[in-house]
């Protein structure tokens, strides 16, 4: 056992650790994990595998919501960070021009293509969306913002303004004025709104993640790009989950033929180790914010270009490219979709299996058999996520698979493993999924357990 693993094990198995979390961080989250029987203490995480202190091994098919494209604790990334710390280089001096930031920005722009030539670095996707809101308003001198039904752009106030779900917004008061939701895929209304020339930007995810791995049509994406240009509205692509080869290409925008004015990246750029994000933009957008010496500090952040985050980003790009993980994502993603579709064909609750690269979703619907349909509809009335959480719990406790339902669509299971998975791990996941889906269709035990879970949730 390495020193690093030994330290992790000691930390994970400290009896007081969970108690302190409950007392000082988020007790309700810990209680929910208890109810779902998913409150594991992880001692070691490598590649696509998670090992708990009680000796269990889990396959990660969630990737921290697409953080771990390069896998957990990739040795190359870990070594790069150790080297950066050992050299005692500049970190957050603020009054300097970071060479690492320049190198990372150049590589990101080169791979993104199009007219994206400038980068502002952030610590998260939400922070990136906030920057994109400011920059689009500065560039267009307009206040209006458009977003699509089903969008998930983050949980800070500006990002939250670009989401329609009342669940995420309830209780937080008034958000940004001028933000308007458009129906998903409605080109006529998009034209009508943009023709007013009141809108600074259209924010969209090339593939909507939390709405259930939902695709806009190629026609909509092409027309959205065209009409935005026609009326002077910026197109902002939120690639926080779809970027960095998750769908096979560096950006899903590249794959789907979009040419955005602004791209927001985060999650996988961190290498799963140091929080990092980036807002890529055209020269014109950049000049609208930083157009003079006086304005050079107009938008900034303390941690924006910190040395460890920049080094993590560079090392992550090295891994993604040297190990050809984009090609791997495209190849293994196609294999995963094929095998899931074959394995789940004939189950009436499986409505669709869709995806691009290693960014997939399995959509469920009401069962046809009355004896299962009655409890299914009862669980939806108790909470729309009840069925999905039972599915996730069974996958975790009985099959050793970590995954989750989509945040805005509780009937779609997100399938987003690290891009380093292999064919054996895909076969393991497909078999595990079929086992649980077959149980749903053949055993009342699943539904009885779900009812007991509902009772426990209602009593805490």
Protein backbone atom coordinates (compact mmCIF):
# COMPACT_ATOMS: atom_id res chain seq x y z
CA UNK A 1 0.00 0.00 0.00
CA UNK A 2 1.38 3.42 -0.98
CA UNK A 3 1.69 6.26 1.53
CA UNK A 4 -1.08 8.14 -0.31
CA UNK A 5 -3.44 5.16 -0.09
CA UNK A 6 -2.58 4.62 3.57
CA UNK A 7 -3.41 8.22 4.39
CA UNK A 8 -6.69 8.02 2.46
CA UNK A 9 -7.62 4.85 4.30
CA UNK A 10 -6.90 6.40 7.69
CA UNK A 11 -9.03 9.41 6.83
CA UNK A 12 -11.95 7.39 5.45
CA UNK A 13 -12.16 5.04 8.41
CA UNK A 14 -11.92 7.66 11.15
CA UNK A 15 -15.08 7.14 13.23
CA UNK A 16 -15.57 10.85 13.85
CA UNK A 17 -15.39 11.86 10.18
CA UNK A 18 -19.03 11.18 9.31
CA UNK A 19 -20.26 12.70 12.55
CA UNK A 20 -18.36 15.92 11.92
CA UNK A 21 -19.81 16.11 8.41
CA UNK A 22 -23.30 15.74 9.81
CA UNK A 23 -22.68 18.39 12.42
CA UNK A 24 -20.93 21.02 10.34
CA UNK A 25 -21.60 20.45 6.61
CA UNK A 26 -24.89 18.94 5.41
CA UNK A 27 -26.71 16.62 7.82
CA UNK A 28 -29.70 16.16 5.49
CA UNK A 29 -27.47 14.92 2.69
CA UNK A 30 -25.87 12.36 5.01
CA UNK A 31 -29.33 11.23 6.13
CA UNK A 32 -30.49 10.83 2.55
CA UNK A 33 -27.43 8.72 1.73
CA UNK A 34 -28.23 6.58 4.74
CA UNK A 35 -31.79 6.02 3.54
CA UNK A 36 -30.54 5.10 0.06
CA UNK A 37 -27.89 2.80 1.56
CA UNK A 38 -25.27 4.69 -0.43
CA UNK A 39 -23.29 6.28 2.40
CA UNK A 40 -20.06 4.49 1.53
CA UNK A 41 -16.66 5.62 2.82
CA UNK A 42 -14.25 5.47 -0.07
CA UNK A 43 -10.65 4.65 0.71
CA UNK A 44 -9.19 4.51 -2.80
CA UNK A 45 -10.39 5.66 -6.22
CA UNK A 46 -8.53 4.77 -9.41
CA UNK A 47 -9.60 4.96 -13.04
CA UNK A 48 -13.24 3.92 -13.18
CA UNK A 49 -13.16 1.99 -9.90
CA UNK A 50 -14.05 3.07 -6.36
CA UNK A 51 -13.00 1.05 -3.31
CA UNK A 52 -14.74 1.47 0.05
CA UNK A 53 -13.23 0.94 3.47
CA UNK A 54 -15.40 -2.16 4.00
CA UNK A 55 -13.72 -3.90 1.07
CA UNK A 56 -16.34 -3.34 -1.65
CA UNK A 57 -15.48 -2.27 -5.16
CA UNK A 58 -17.80 -0.12 -7.29
CA UNK A 59 -17.77 0.85 -10.95
CA UNK A 60 -18.23 4.59 -11.43
CA UNK A 61 -20.69 5.34 -14.24
CA UNK A 62 -21.40 8.88 -13.04
CA UNK A 63 -17.90 10.40 -13.13
CA UNK A 64 -18.82 13.08 -10.60
CA UNK A 65 -21.27 14.43 -13.21
CA UNK A 66 -18.58 14.30 -15.92
CA UNK A 67 -15.65 15.51 -13.82
CA UNK A 68 -13.55 12.36 -14.18
CA UNK A 69 -13.09 12.12 -17.94
CA UNK A 70 -9.45 11.13 -17.36
CA UNK A 71 -10.44 8.75 -14.57
CA UNK A 72 -9.96 9.05 -10.83
CA UNK A 73 -6.51 10.05 -9.61
CA UNK A 74 -4.75 9.54 -12.93
CA UNK A 75 -1.07 9.01 -12.02
CA UNK A 76 0.14 11.47 -14.66
CA UNK A 77 -2.07 14.26 -13.32
CA UNK A 78 -1.17 13.47 -9.71
CA UNK A 79 2.55 13.51 -10.60
CA UNK A 80 2.19 16.85 -12.42
CA UNK A 81 0.58 18.43 -9.36
CA UNK A 82 3.25 17.02 -7.05
CA UNK A 83 5.91 18.45 -9.34
CA UNK A 84 4.18 21.84 -9.37
CA UNK A 85 4.05 21.89 -5.57
CA UNK A 86 7.65 20.71 -5.23
CA UNK A 87 8.98 23.46 -7.52
CA UNK A 88 7.38 26.12 -5.28
CA UNK A 89 6.29 28.08 -8.33
CA UNK A 90 4.05 31.15 -8.48
CA UNK A 91 0.49 30.63 -7.30
CA UNK A 92 -2.07 33.41 -6.87
CA UNK A 93 0.48 36.20 -6.76
CA UNK A 94 -2.15 38.20 -8.67
CA UNK A 95 0.33 40.86 -9.87
CA UNK A 96 1.88 38.69 -12.58
CA UNK A 97 1.09 37.16 -15.97
CA UNK A 98 0.81 33.40 -15.50
CA UNK A 99 2.76 31.42 -18.09
CA UNK A 100 0.75 28.31 -17.27
CA UNK A 101 -2.51 30.18 -17.87
CA UNK A 102 -1.23 31.37 -21.24
CA UNK A 103 -0.22 27.86 -22.27
CA UNK A 104 -3.53 26.33 -21.17
CA UNK A 105 -5.57 29.07 -22.85
CA UNK A 106 -3.72 28.62 -26.14
CA UNK A 107 -4.29 24.86 -26.12
CA UNK A 108 -7.99 25.24 -25.31
CA UNK A 109 -8.57 27.77 -28.10
CA UNK A 110 -6.64 25.69 -30.61
CA UNK A 111 -8.71 22.61 -29.88
CA UNK A 112 -12.04 24.45 -29.71
CA UNK A 113 -11.49 26.04 -33.12
CA UNK A 114 -13.83 28.57 -34.69
CA UNK A 115 -13.23 32.16 -33.71
CA UNK A 116 -12.53 31.43 -30.03
CA UNK A 117 -9.24 33.13 -29.21
CA UNK A 118 -9.46 34.38 -25.63
CA UNK A 119 -10.05 32.67 -22.26
CA UNK A 120 -11.16 33.73 -18.81
CA UNK A 121 -10.45 31.08 -16.16
CA UNK A 122 -12.90 30.22 -13.40
CA UNK A 123 -13.24 27.71 -10.58
CA UNK A 124 -16.58 26.22 -11.64
CA UNK A 125 -19.15 25.99 -14.40
CA UNK A 126 -21.58 28.23 -12.54
CA UNK A 127 -18.92 30.92 -12.29
CA UNK A 128 -18.33 30.53 -16.00
CA UNK A 129 -22.02 31.07 -16.75
CA UNK A 130 -21.98 34.19 -14.58
CA UNK A 131 -19.05 35.51 -16.61
CA UNK A 132 -20.82 34.68 -19.88
CA UNK A 133 -23.88 36.66 -18.73
CA UNK A 134 -21.77 39.71 -17.98
CA UNK A 135 -19.69 39.46 -21.14
CA UNK A 136 -22.71 39.00 -23.44
CA UNK A 137 -24.45 42.02 -21.92
CA UNK A 138 -21.28 44.11 -22.22
CA UNK A 139 -20.83 43.11 -25.86
CA UNK A 140 -24.41 43.66 -27.03
CA UNK A 141 -25.52 46.43 -24.64
CA UNK A 142 -28.71 44.41 -24.12
CA UNK A 143 -30.17 42.93 -20.95
CA UNK A 144 -32.34 40.08 -22.22
CA UNK A 145 -31.22 36.45 -21.88
CA UNK A 146 -32.75 33.37 -23.50
CA UNK A 147 -32.49 29.75 -22.39
CA UNK A 148 -34.23 26.50 -23.28
CA UNK A 149 -36.78 24.45 -21.42
CA UNK A 150 -35.01 21.71 -19.44
CA UNK A 151 -31.74 23.62 -19.13
CA UNK A 152 -29.38 23.20 -16.20
CA UNK A 153 -26.70 25.91 -16.10
CA UNK A 154 -25.74 26.04 -12.41
CA UNK A 155 -27.03 27.14 -9.03
CA UNK A 156 -25.59 30.62 -8.47
CA UNK A 157 -28.12 33.41 -8.87
CA UNK A 158 -27.32 34.36 -12.46
CA UNK A 159 -27.04 30.75 -13.63
CA UNK A 160 -30.22 29.88 -11.75
CA UNK A 161 -32.02 32.62 -13.67
CA UNK A 162 -31.36 30.58 -16.81
CA UNK A 163 -33.30 27.57 -15.60
CA UNK A 164 -37.04 26.97 -15.59
CA UNK A 165 -37.35 24.29 -12.91
CA UNK A 166 -39.10 25.65 -9.83
CA UNK A 167 -37.43 23.01 -7.66
CA UNK A 168 -34.01 24.65 -7.96
CA UNK A 169 -35.32 28.23 -7.69
CA UNK A 170 -37.94 28.06 -4.93
CA UNK A 171 -37.21 30.12 -1.84
CA UNK A 172 -34.35 32.21 -3.22
CA UNK A 173 -36.28 35.33 -4.11
CA UNK A 174 -36.10 37.40 -7.27
CA UNK A 175 -33.41 36.42 -9.74
CA UNK A 176 -32.08 38.26 -12.82
CA UNK A 177 -34.69 40.22 -14.74
CA UNK A 178 -34.87 39.77 -18.48
CA UNK A 179 -34.26 36.00 -18.53
CA UNK A 180 -36.81 34.11 -20.62
CA UNK A 181 -37.33 30.40 -21.25
CA UNK A 182 -38.04 29.12 -24.75
CA UNK A 183 -39.72 25.80 -25.57
CA UNK A 184 -37.17 23.16 -26.53
CA UNK A 185 -36.70 23.09 -30.30
CA UNK A 186 -39.20 25.86 -31.16
CA UNK A 187 -37.59 27.74 -34.06
CA UNK A 188 -40.53 30.02 -34.78
CA UNK A 189 -40.56 31.48 -31.27
CA UNK A 190 -36.77 31.81 -31.30
CA UNK A 191 -37.02 33.93 -34.46
CA UNK A 192 -39.79 36.03 -32.95
CA UNK A 193 -37.85 36.76 -29.77
CA UNK A 194 -34.50 37.45 -31.42
CA UNK A 195 -36.09 39.74 -34.02
CA UNK A 196 -36.84 42.20 -31.20
CA UNK A 197 -33.06 42.69 -30.78
CA UNK A 198 -33.59 42.78 -27.02
CA UNK A 199 -31.51 39.73 -26.14
CA UNK A 200 -27.83 39.61 -25.34
CA UNK A 201 -27.39 35.84 -25.59
CA UNK A 202 -29.01 32.49 -26.18
CA UNK A 203 -27.65 29.96 -23.67
CA UNK A 204 -27.89 26.31 -24.63
CA UNK A 205 -26.34 22.94 -23.91
CA UNK A 206 -25.50 21.14 -27.18
CA UNK A 207 -26.90 18.07 -25.41
CA UNK A 208 -29.08 18.78 -22.39
CA UNK A 209 -27.64 16.77 -19.53
CA UNK A 210 -30.06 17.01 -16.64
CA UNK A 211 -33.12 17.11 -18.91
CA UNK A 212 -32.37 13.49 -19.77
CA UNK A 213 -29.52 13.49 -22.35
CA UNK A 214 -31.83 15.40 -24.68
CA UNK A 215 -30.72 16.39 -28.19
CA UNK A 216 -31.72 19.45 -30.16
CA UNK A 217 -32.27 18.64 -33.81
CA UNK A 218 -29.42 19.53 -36.17
CA UNK A 219 -31.85 21.86 -37.96
CA UNK A 220 -32.57 23.75 -34.73
CA UNK A 221 -28.88 24.13 -33.90
CA UNK A 222 -28.01 25.39 -37.39
CA UNK A 223 -30.92 27.83 -37.43
CA UNK A 224 -30.20 29.01 -33.90
CA UNK A 225 -26.65 29.83 -34.95
CA UNK A 226 -27.86 31.63 -38.06
CA UNK A 227 -30.63 33.65 -36.43
CA UNK A 228 -28.39 34.69 -33.51
CA UNK A 229 -25.92 36.15 -35.99
CA UNK A 230 -28.69 37.81 -37.99
CA UNK A 231 -30.00 39.75 -34.98
CA UNK A 232 -26.74 40.33 -33.07
CA UNK A 233 -27.39 37.90 -30.22
CA UNK A 234 -24.47 35.84 -28.89
CA UNK A 235 -24.69 32.05 -28.86
CA UNK A 236 -23.30 30.68 -25.58
CA UNK A 237 -22.62 26.94 -25.50
CA UNK A 238 -22.62 25.41 -22.01
CA UNK A 239 -20.17 22.52 -22.44
CA UNK A 240 -19.55 21.96 -18.75
CA UNK A 241 -20.67 18.33 -19.01
CA UNK A 242 -20.31 17.69 -22.75
CA UNK A 243 -16.84 19.18 -23.27
CA UNK A 244 -13.33 17.72 -23.20
CA UNK A 245 -14.00 14.69 -25.42
CA UNK A 246 -17.02 13.39 -23.45
CA UNK A 247 -18.95 13.00 -26.73
CA UNK A 248 -15.93 11.99 -28.83
CA UNK A 249 -14.94 15.45 -30.11
CA UNK A 250 -13.21 18.08 -27.98
CA UNK A 251 -16.54 19.92 -27.81
CA UNK A 252 -19.99 18.58 -28.54
CA UNK A 253 -20.38 21.84 -30.49
CA UNK A 254 -17.67 20.58 -32.86
CA UNK A 255 -19.52 17.31 -33.34
CA UNK A 256 -22.92 18.92 -33.86
CA UNK A 257 -21.76 21.72 -36.16
CA UNK A 258 -22.30 24.72 -33.87
CA UNK A 259 -19.94 27.71 -34.00
CA UNK A 260 -20.58 29.49 -30.67
CA UNK A 261 -19.41 32.96 -29.68
CA UNK A 262 -18.77 31.81 -26.10
CA UNK A 263 -18.08 28.34 -24.67
CA UNK A 264 -18.16 27.50 -20.97
CA UNK A 265 -15.99 24.60 -19.77
CA UNK A 266 -15.37 23.21 -16.28
CA UNK A 267 -15.73 19.81 -14.54
CA UNK A 268 -13.34 17.56 -16.53
CA UNK A 269 -10.81 20.40 -16.93
CA UNK A 270 -9.96 19.91 -13.25
CA UNK A 271 -8.62 16.41 -13.83
CA UNK A 272 -10.84 15.47 -10.92
CA UNK A 273 -8.35 17.05 -8.54
CA UNK A 274 -8.26 20.88 -8.55
CA UNK A 275 -11.42 22.91 -9.37
CA UNK A 276 -11.00 24.67 -12.69
CA UNK A 277 -13.13 26.12 -15.46
CA UNK A 278 -12.73 28.27 -18.55
CA UNK A 279 -14.82 30.69 -20.62
CA UNK A 280 -13.67 30.72 -24.23
CA UNK A 281 -14.74 33.71 -26.33
CA UNK A 282 -14.19 35.55 -29.58
CA UNK A 283 -11.93 38.56 -29.88
CA UNK A 284 -14.94 40.85 -30.15
CA UNK A 285 -16.51 39.62 -26.93
CA UNK A 286 -13.17 39.95 -25.15
CA UNK A 287 -12.67 43.51 -26.34
CA UNK A 288 -16.11 44.48 -25.03
CA UNK A 289 -14.92 43.72 -21.50
CA UNK A 290 -11.16 44.20 -21.53
CA UNK A 291 -10.85 46.82 -24.27
CA UNK A 292 -8.43 49.18 -22.51
CA UNK A 293 -5.77 49.32 -19.79
CA UNK A 294 -8.28 50.89 -17.47
CA UNK A 295 -10.64 47.94 -17.95
CA UNK A 296 -8.01 45.19 -17.67
CA UNK A 297 -9.20 44.26 -14.18
CA UNK A 298 -12.90 44.78 -14.81
CA UNK A 299 -13.76 41.10 -14.38
CA UNK A 300 -11.48 38.86 -12.35
CA UNK A 301 -11.40 36.23 -9.62
CA UNK A 302 -8.86 35.43 -6.90
CA UNK A 303 -8.47 31.80 -7.93
CA UNK A 304 -8.87 32.39 -11.66
CA UNK A 305 -5.35 31.48 -12.83
CA UNK A 306 -3.95 29.68 -9.80
CA UNK A 307 -0.93 27.54 -10.57
CA UNK A 308 -2.32 24.19 -9.43
CA UNK A 309 -5.53 24.54 -11.45
CA UNK A 310 -3.61 25.54 -14.58
CA UNK A 311 -1.19 22.64 -14.13
CA UNK A 312 -4.10 20.25 -13.59
CA UNK A 313 -5.74 21.52 -16.78
CA UNK A 314 -2.57 21.08 -18.83
CA UNK A 315 -1.96 17.59 -17.44
CA UNK A 316 -5.58 16.65 -18.12
CA UNK A 317 -5.29 17.72 -21.75
CA UNK A 318 -2.09 15.68 -22.02
CA UNK A 319 -3.87 12.57 -20.74
CA UNK A 320 -6.96 13.05 -22.90
CA UNK A 321 -4.85 13.47 -26.02
CA UNK A 322 -1.96 11.08 -25.42
CA UNK A 323 -4.36 8.28 -24.49
CA UNK A 324 -6.70 9.18 -27.40
CA UNK A 325 -9.66 9.32 -25.03
CA UNK A 326 -11.81 11.20 -27.52
CA UNK A 327 -11.48 8.36 -30.01
CA UNK A 328 -12.01 5.91 -27.17
CA UNK A 329 -15.16 7.72 -26.09
CA UNK A 330 -16.61 7.59 -29.60
CA UNK A 331 -15.76 3.91 -30.08
CA UNK A 332 -16.74 2.61 -26.66
CA UNK A 333 -19.77 4.91 -26.50
CA UNK A 334 -21.12 3.34 -29.69
CA UNK A 335 -20.44 -0.12 -28.24
CA UNK A 336 -22.14 0.79 -24.96
CA UNK A 337 -25.25 2.10 -26.74
CA UNK A 338 -25.45 -0.99 -28.94
CA UNK A 339 -25.13 -3.42 -26.05
CA UNK A 340 -27.59 -1.54 -23.85
CA UNK A 341 -30.16 -1.42 -26.63
CA UNK A 342 -29.75 -5.13 -27.31
CA UNK A 343 -29.82 -6.09 -23.65
CA UNK A 344 -32.82 -3.94 -22.71
CA UNK A 345 -34.92 -4.59 -25.82
CA UNK A 346 -38.32 -6.01 -24.96
CA UNK A 347 -38.63 -4.47 -21.49
CA UNK A 348 -41.76 -2.34 -21.68
CA UNK A 349 -40.58 0.23 -19.12
CA UNK A 350 -37.47 1.04 -21.18
CA UNK A 351 -38.60 3.80 -23.52
CA UNK A 352 -35.29 4.77 -25.11
CA UNK A 353 -31.53 4.39 -24.90
CA UNK A 354 -29.72 7.37 -26.42
CA UNK A 355 -26.44 9.20 -26.29
CA UNK A 356 -23.30 10.39 -28.00
CA UNK A 357 -19.88 9.11 -27.03
CA UNK A 358 -19.82 8.17 -23.36
CA UNK A 359 -22.70 10.50 -22.55
CA UNK A 360 -25.81 8.34 -22.53
CA UNK A 361 -29.21 8.01 -20.92
CA UNK A 362 -31.72 5.22 -20.36
CA UNK A 363 -35.27 6.54 -20.31
CA UNK A 364 -37.97 4.70 -18.37
CA UNK A 365 -41.75 4.99 -18.51
CA UNK A 366 -44.83 3.57 -16.78
CA UNK A 367 -45.17 -0.23 -16.84
CA UNK A 368 -47.99 -1.78 -18.86
CA UNK A 369 -48.83 -4.47 -16.30
CA UNK A 370 -51.47 -3.17 -13.90
CA UNK A 371 -49.90 -4.74 -10.80
CA UNK A 372 -46.71 -2.73 -11.42
CA UNK A 373 -48.37 0.37 -12.87
CA UNK A 374 -50.36 1.06 -9.70
CA UNK A 375 -47.31 1.28 -7.40
CA UNK A 376 -45.34 3.16 -10.09
CA UNK A 377 -47.98 5.88 -10.27
CA UNK A 378 -48.26 5.94 -6.48
CA UNK A 379 -44.53 6.57 -6.18
CA UNK A 380 -44.74 9.42 -8.69
CA UNK A 381 -47.38 11.05 -6.49
CA UNK A 382 -45.22 10.65 -3.39
CA UNK A 383 -42.17 12.07 -5.17
CA UNK A 384 -41.31 12.07 -8.89
CA UNK A 385 -37.82 10.78 -8.10
CA UNK A 386 -38.90 7.79 -6.01
CA UNK A 387 -38.75 5.20 -8.79
CA UNK A 388 -35.42 6.47 -10.06
CA UNK A 389 -33.79 6.47 -6.64
CA UNK A 390 -34.87 2.88 -6.06
CA UNK A 391 -33.25 2.00 -9.38
CA UNK A 392 -30.05 3.85 -8.43
CA UNK A 393 -30.01 2.23 -4.99
CA UNK A 394 -30.39 -1.28 -6.42
CA UNK A 395 -27.62 -0.61 -8.93
CA UNK A 396 -25.35 0.51 -6.11
CA UNK A 397 -26.09 -1.96 -3.32
CA UNK A 398 -26.66 -5.11 -5.37
CA UNK A 399 -24.65 -4.57 -8.54
CA UNK A 400 -21.79 -2.35 -7.35
CA UNK A 401 -22.52 0.42 -9.87
CA UNK A 402 -22.54 4.12 -9.00
CA UNK A 403 -24.81 6.22 -11.20
CA UNK A 404 -27.73 8.64 -10.82
CA UNK A 405 -30.90 9.90 -12.46
CA UNK A 406 -30.85 13.16 -14.39
CA UNK A 407 -31.53 16.23 -12.26
CA UNK A 408 -34.45 17.59 -14.29
CA UNK A 409 -35.82 14.25 -15.48
CA UNK A 410 -36.09 11.58 -12.81
CA UNK A 411 -37.02 8.90 -15.35
CA UNK A 412 -33.69 8.98 -17.20
CA UNK A 413 -30.69 7.14 -15.81
CA UNK A 414 -27.49 8.99 -16.64
CA UNK A 415 -24.70 6.78 -18.03
CA UNK A 416 -21.44 8.76 -18.05
CA UNK A 417 -18.40 6.70 -17.03
CA UNK A 418 -14.79 7.93 -17.09
CA UNK A 419 -13.42 7.82 -20.62
CA UNK A 420 -10.80 5.29 -19.48
CA UNK A 421 -13.29 2.44 -19.04
CA UNK A 422 -12.67 -0.77 -20.96
CA UNK A 423 -14.90 -3.30 -22.71
CA UNK A 424 -15.02 -5.62 -19.69
CA UNK A 425 -16.33 -2.80 -17.52
CA UNK A 426 -18.92 -1.94 -20.16
CA UNK A 427 -20.04 -5.58 -20.18
CA UNK A 428 -20.26 -5.51 -16.39
CA UNK A 429 -22.42 -2.38 -16.44
CA UNK A 430 -24.73 -3.71 -19.16
CA UNK A 431 -25.23 -6.98 -17.27
CA UNK A 432 -25.88 -5.14 -14.00
CA UNK A 433 -28.41 -2.83 -15.66
CA UNK A 434 -30.25 -5.74 -17.22
CA UNK A 435 -30.36 -7.54 -13.85
CA UNK A 436 -32.03 -4.57 -12.17
CA UNK A 437 -34.38 -3.84 -15.08
CA UNK A 438 -35.43 -7.49 -15.16
CA UNK A 439 -36.11 -7.34 -11.42
CA UNK A 440 -38.34 -4.31 -11.94
CA UNK A 441 -40.38 -6.22 -14.50
CA UNK A 442 -40.66 -9.56 -12.69
CA UNK A 443 -40.62 -9.04 -8.93
CA UNK A 444 -42.99 -7.25 -6.59
CA UNK A 445 -40.10 -7.08 -4.12
CA UNK A 446 -38.69 -4.05 -5.96
CA UNK A 447 -41.98 -2.20 -5.59
CA UNK A 448 -42.44 -3.27 -1.96
CA UNK A 449 -38.94 -2.03 -1.15
CA UNK A 450 -39.73 1.23 -2.91
CA UNK A 451 -42.80 1.68 -0.73
CA UNK A 452 -40.72 1.06 2.39
CA UNK A 453 -38.19 3.60 1.13
CA UNK A 454 -40.98 6.14 0.65
CA UNK A 455 -42.12 5.60 4.22
CA UNK A 456 -38.58 6.07 5.54
CA UNK A 457 -38.10 9.26 3.55
CA UNK A 458 -41.40 10.66 4.79
CA UNK A 459 -40.40 9.92 8.38
CA UNK A 460 -37.03 11.73 8.38
